[in-house]
Amino acid sequence: MNSEFFLRIHKHYLNNRKSKTRCNRLSWQKAIILNPNEQVLHSWDGNCERHHKAVVKAFIGHKTVEAKETHSGTLALTSQRLLWFERRGFLSKTERAAFEIDLRNLSGITCGGTINKWVSITDNEAECIFHLAKVGSKEIEPFRDMILRQVEKAKTISFNGPQIVQNVVIGAPTNQKETITKEVVMIPCVYCSGLMPQTSVFCPTCGAKRKQ
């Protein structure tokens, strides 16, 4: 009787632990707010080191020193950004958006480390060092290439951007021809990045249906 009772308690504890773990893994997905036409492509668990200046007490007065903060969380890659969600809380851990890096402003990705691999991602403002799970010596290059491909796509779409072109329509043959100028908004296709009229249902380049 006692053994069955403790067995049920242990099973209940394991089920609660699994459900909490499952909630923690999904918590960053609940916190993320996507822009129009933005998609989540991949995510990695790990920790992030951020360096900043801090003022501390000295023997005489105060002095400024370099400080380092390390937080665990999730790095998410979308078609437009890199987002870091920090894991906070003691008993019930939740993840909240700490900072983001616009892929168009990304200036460098470097990798290093012999045993514990690290990834340094730099934008126009700061450098962040990540230690990510399942990103070892074999996964470093695919990880870097995946991000750089999205950087190239984001910069291409930003360069092309929504453009205004002019369509000239000649009226019915009369003694006096009438010219009508019509503005057509061109937007990039989310699949092939080709330009298409905003009113089109299908992309003229790849034939994909435009996302609403």
Protein backbone atom coordinates (compact mmCIF):
# COMPACT_ATOMS: atom_id res chain seq x y z
CA MET A 1 0.00 0.00 0.00
CA ASN A 2 2.73 2.44 0.98
CA SER A 3 4.83 1.54 -2.05
CA GLU A 4 1.90 2.15 -4.43
CA PHE A 5 1.19 5.49 -2.75
CA PHE A 6 4.79 6.68 -3.12
CA LEU A 7 4.89 5.37 -6.69
CA ARG A 8 1.86 7.50 -7.58
CA ILE A 9 3.44 10.56 -5.95
CA HIS A 10 6.68 10.00 -7.85
CA LYS A 11 4.84 9.60 -11.15
CA HIS A 12 2.84 12.78 -10.47
CA TYR A 13 6.10 14.65 -9.73
CA LEU A 14 7.68 13.47 -12.98
CA ASN A 15 4.63 14.49 -15.01
CA ASN A 16 4.63 17.96 -13.44
CA ARG A 17 8.33 18.31 -14.16
CA LYS A 18 7.86 17.34 -17.80
CA SER A 19 4.96 19.76 -18.20
CA LYS A 20 6.99 22.61 -16.65
CA THR A 21 9.92 21.86 -18.92
CA ARG A 22 7.59 21.85 -21.91
CA CYS A 23 6.13 25.21 -20.85
CA ASN A 24 9.61 26.68 -20.40
CA ARG A 25 10.60 25.63 -23.89
CA LEU A 26 7.52 27.25 -25.35
CA SER A 27 7.58 30.38 -23.22
CA TRP A 28 9.78 32.34 -25.64
CA GLN A 29 7.37 31.51 -28.47
CA LYS A 30 4.57 33.07 -26.46
CA ALA A 31 6.65 36.18 -25.79
CA ILE A 32 7.75 36.85 -29.36
CA ILE A 33 5.94 39.47 -31.46
CA LEU A 34 6.58 39.08 -35.18
CA ASN A 35 6.54 41.83 -37.76
CA PRO A 36 4.46 41.52 -40.97
CA ASN A 37 5.88 38.81 -43.27
CA GLU A 38 8.34 37.74 -40.54
CA GLN A 39 8.83 34.04 -39.81
CA VAL A 40 10.70 32.13 -37.09
CA LEU A 41 13.34 29.93 -38.73
CA HIS A 42 15.34 28.35 -35.89
CA SER A 43 16.14 28.59 -32.18
CA TRP A 44 18.97 27.50 -29.88
CA ASP A 45 19.12 27.14 -26.08
CA GLY A 46 22.22 28.37 -24.26
CA ASN A 47 23.61 31.40 -22.46
CA CYS A 48 24.74 34.87 -23.44
CA GLU A 49 27.61 36.99 -22.15
CA ARG A 50 27.18 40.76 -22.28
CA HIS A 51 29.99 43.14 -21.39
CA HIS A 52 29.30 46.60 -20.04
CA LYS A 53 30.89 49.29 -17.89
CA ALA A 54 30.05 49.43 -14.18
CA VAL A 55 30.92 51.90 -11.42
CA VAL A 56 32.30 50.28 -8.25
CA LYS A 57 33.76 51.57 -5.01
CA ALA A 58 37.52 52.03 -4.94
CA PHE A 59 39.99 52.78 -2.13
CA ILE A 60 39.40 56.44 -2.85
CA GLY A 61 36.07 57.28 -4.46
CA HIS A 62 34.76 55.19 -7.32
CA LYS A 63 36.15 53.72 -10.51
CA THR A 64 34.74 52.36 -13.77
CA VAL A 65 35.43 48.72 -14.58
CA GLU A 66 34.42 46.23 -17.25
CA ALA A 67 31.64 43.96 -15.98
CA LYS A 68 30.22 40.79 -17.45
CA GLU A 69 26.71 39.40 -17.14
CA THR A 70 25.76 35.86 -18.13
CA HIS A 71 22.15 34.78 -18.56
CA SER A 72 20.63 31.57 -19.86
CA GLY A 73 17.89 31.66 -22.45
CA THR A 74 17.03 31.11 -26.10
CA LEU A 75 18.43 32.67 -29.28
CA ALA A 76 15.78 32.83 -32.02
CA LEU A 77 16.47 33.48 -35.71
CA THR A 78 13.72 34.99 -37.83
CA SER A 79 13.72 36.18 -41.41
CA GLN A 80 14.43 39.72 -40.15
CA ARG A 81 16.07 39.56 -36.70
CA LEU A 82 18.06 37.70 -34.11
CA LEU A 83 16.25 37.82 -30.75
CA TRP A 84 17.58 36.83 -27.34
CA PHE A 85 15.07 35.72 -24.70
CA GLU A 86 16.49 35.61 -21.16
CA ARG A 87 15.27 32.95 -18.76
CA ARG A 88 14.23 34.53 -15.47
CA GLY A 89 12.63 33.27 -12.27
CA PHE A 90 13.65 30.93 -9.49
CA LEU A 91 10.89 28.33 -9.29
CA SER A 92 8.72 29.04 -12.32
CA LYS A 93 11.11 30.17 -15.02
CA THR A 94 9.83 32.34 -17.85
CA GLU A 95 11.60 33.86 -20.82
CA ARG A 96 11.33 37.50 -21.84
CA ALA A 97 12.78 39.41 -24.78
CA ALA A 98 16.06 41.00 -23.67
CA PHE A 99 17.42 42.45 -26.92
CA GLU A 100 17.34 41.99 -30.66
CA ILE A 101 19.73 42.38 -33.58
CA ASP A 102 18.42 43.60 -36.91
CA LEU A 103 19.97 41.34 -39.56
CA ARG A 104 20.58 44.37 -41.79
CA ASN A 105 22.82 45.88 -39.07
CA LEU A 106 24.78 42.71 -38.34
CA SER A 107 28.47 43.42 -38.91
CA GLY A 108 30.20 40.16 -38.02
CA ILE A 109 29.98 36.57 -36.77
CA THR A 110 33.06 34.86 -35.35
CA CYS A 111 33.41 31.46 -33.74
CA GLY A 112 36.01 30.01 -31.41
CA GLY A 113 36.77 27.80 -28.45
CA THR A 114 38.46 24.42 -28.30
CA ILE A 115 36.23 22.51 -25.89
CA ASN A 116 33.37 24.92 -25.20
CA LYS A 117 32.49 26.55 -28.51
CA TRP A 118 31.37 30.16 -28.48
CA VAL A 119 29.84 32.44 -31.09
CA SER A 120 30.40 36.19 -31.16
CA ILE A 121 27.70 38.23 -32.94
CA THR A 122 28.35 41.94 -33.47
CA ASP A 123 26.07 44.69 -34.74
CA ASN A 124 26.41 48.47 -34.90
CA GLU A 125 26.03 48.84 -31.12
CA ALA A 126 27.65 45.97 -29.21
CA GLU A 127 29.13 42.49 -29.19
CA CYS A 128 27.34 39.48 -27.70
CA ILE A 129 28.98 36.13 -26.99
CA PHE A 130 26.78 33.04 -27.01
CA HIS A 131 27.40 29.50 -25.77
CA LEU A 132 24.69 27.50 -27.51
CA ALA A 133 23.64 23.91 -26.99
CA LYS A 134 24.01 21.59 -30.00
CA VAL A 135 26.34 24.07 -31.71
CA GLY A 136 29.72 22.35 -31.61
CA SER A 137 32.66 22.12 -33.97
CA LYS A 138 30.57 20.40 -36.66
CA GLU A 139 27.60 22.74 -36.36
CA ILE A 140 29.49 26.06 -36.21
CA GLU A 141 29.82 26.55 -39.97
CA PRO A 142 26.18 25.58 -40.80
CA PHE A 143 25.04 27.88 -37.98
CA ARG A 144 27.06 30.78 -39.40
CA ASP A 145 25.96 30.11 -42.99
CA MET A 146 22.28 29.97 -41.98
CA ILE A 147 22.45 33.42 -40.40
CA LEU A 148 24.50 34.94 -43.24
CA ARG A 149 21.99 33.70 -45.83
CA GLN A 150 19.20 35.46 -43.94
CA VAL A 151 21.33 38.61 -43.66
CA GLU A 152 21.77 38.64 -47.43
CA LYS A 153 18.04 38.12 -48.01
CA ALA A 154 17.10 40.84 -45.51
CA LYS A 155 19.49 43.34 -47.10
CA THR A 156 18.23 42.47 -50.59
CA ILE A 157 14.60 43.00 -49.60
CA SER A 158 15.52 46.22 -47.80
CA PHE A 159 17.42 47.45 -50.86
CA ASN A 160 14.61 46.66 -53.26
CA GLY A 161 11.89 47.63 -50.77
CA PRO A 162 8.39 48.74 -51.70
CA GLN A 163 8.81 50.82 -54.85
CA ILE A 164 6.50 53.08 -56.81
CA VAL A 165 6.50 52.63 -60.57
CA GLN A 166 4.48 54.47 -63.15
CA ASN A 167 2.17 52.75 -65.62
CA VAL A 168 1.20 54.75 -68.70
CA VAL A 169 -2.12 53.74 -70.25
CA ILE A 170 -3.15 55.08 -73.62
CA GLY A 171 -6.89 55.63 -74.02
CA ALA A 172 -9.13 54.60 -76.93
CA PRO A 173 -8.09 55.92 -80.33
CA THR A 174 -9.53 59.42 -80.72
CA ASN A 175 -8.41 62.61 -82.32
CA GLN A 176 -6.75 63.59 -79.06
CA LYS A 177 -4.88 60.88 -77.11
CA GLU A 178 -5.32 60.87 -73.36
CA THR A 179 -2.50 59.77 -71.05
CA ILE A 180 -3.37 58.45 -67.60
CA THR A 181 -0.65 57.99 -64.99
CA LYS A 182 -1.31 55.31 -62.39
CA GLU A 183 0.87 54.54 -59.38
CA VAL A 184 1.41 50.84 -58.66
CA VAL A 185 2.98 49.76 -55.35
CA MET A 186 5.52 46.98 -55.86
CA ILE A 187 6.32 44.66 -52.93
CA PRO A 188 8.89 41.85 -52.62
CA CYS A 189 7.74 38.22 -52.73
CA VAL A 190 8.42 36.47 -49.41
CA TYR A 191 9.56 33.34 -51.27
CA CYS A 192 11.82 34.53 -54.13
CA SER A 193 12.22 38.28 -53.27
CA GLY A 194 11.05 39.24 -56.76
CA LEU A 195 8.95 42.40 -57.10
CA MET A 196 5.21 42.07 -57.66
CA PRO A 197 2.27 44.51 -57.66
CA GLN A 198 0.63 44.85 -54.27
CA THR A 199 -2.75 43.89 -55.77
CA SER A 200 -1.44 40.67 -57.38
CA VAL A 201 -2.53 37.35 -55.94
CA PHE A 202 0.38 35.34 -57.39
CA CYS A 203 4.05 36.25 -57.84
CA PRO A 204 4.88 36.71 -61.56
CA THR A 205 8.42 35.42 -60.94
CA CYS A 206 7.97 32.18 -58.97
CA GLY A 207 4.19 31.75 -59.16
CA ALA A 208 3.75 31.47 -55.39
CA LYS A 209 0.54 32.79 -53.84
CA ARG A 210 1.03 36.08 -52.02
CA LYS A 211 0.67 35.88 -48.24
CA GLN A 212 -2.10 38.09 -46.87
